Structure formats: structure tokens, C-alpha cells
Amino acid sequence: RKLNDRGVFCCLVSNQSGPARGYYPASHVDALHERLCRLLKEEAGAHLDALYYCPYLSAPEGGTAPDYTRWSTWRKPNTGMLVAAAWDHDLDISCSFMIGDKATDVDMAHNAGCTGILVTTGYGEQVLSGSYQHHTKPDYIAADLADAVNWLLQHSSL
């Protein structure tokens, strides 16, 4: 909500490989995102300005469902979702930031030329210990989302 109150454009970008793996239909991802947006509004009075997700996964990575098994520029750490958001909403990627709990989140940020923040919640601790994904060098390591937001508000021109 602090970012909303400052007029910061808030966009969620997410890899969602479940449809490509045949675990569930894409409609389940849409329902999850609707629930997330509803909870943000009800619990925090916050909102997302945009939401992008990549349901695709290449066959070598485990994709099996024909409609979703392919390589995609949208799959993190590729920059497709950030580029689409920047294009759709007239955003300057160089002034943007990415907060996430995986190395691919930080790598996507750096590949796009923006600030990458790793939160230690979720998979963040495992990323830092080297037991999940690969080593990455975030611009800031935050204890959680609130810490990341506070750091951004102190260290940027938001």
C-alpha cells in the first residue's frame, strides 16, 4: 500500500508453469490472481496496476501440455514480461525494480537493466545458501516485502 500511496506503478510478473506441466488449467492461475488482488484490497487497501504471467515451459524444462510447451521470452529470467509492461504502460525500465524470492527474479531485473531485490521469505534463504537455483547478486537483500518497500522508498526517487 505504501507504493500505491506514493503513486508507484505496481505490477506482478510471475512464472506459472503448472499449465505447461499439465498440473492444472490456466483458468486456475487466473483464479489465483483474482484472489490475490481481492486479498490485497481487503486486507491492505492495496492494488496491482497490472499483472503478467508466463504459463509456458519448454520440453527440456518439463513442459508436457501441447498448448503451453514452448520456449518463451516471457519466462524469467528473460525480460519479456517487463518489456511488455513497460510498453503497455509507458514505463522506464531503467527506473524500475523487481522484488522476488528467486534468483530468476533478480536475474530478470538485471537482464532488463533495473534494480533487483531478493526477499529472504519464500525461497530467498535457499537462494542465498545456494541450495535452490543458483547464486545471484541482488542489489538489496530484504527480510520481507515490507523491508524491500521501505528500502526502496529510502534509496530511490519514488
Foldseek 3Di string as FASTA:
>chain_A
DVCVVVVHAAEAEEEAQCVQLVNDNVVVVVVVVVVVQVCCCVVPVDGHPYYYYQNADAVVRRGDDVVRHDDDCSDFPRQVVVVVCCVVPVDDLLQDEFEEAAQRRQSNSVVSNYAYEHACPDNNVVQCVQNDDGHDDGPYYHPDPVRVVVCCVVPHPD
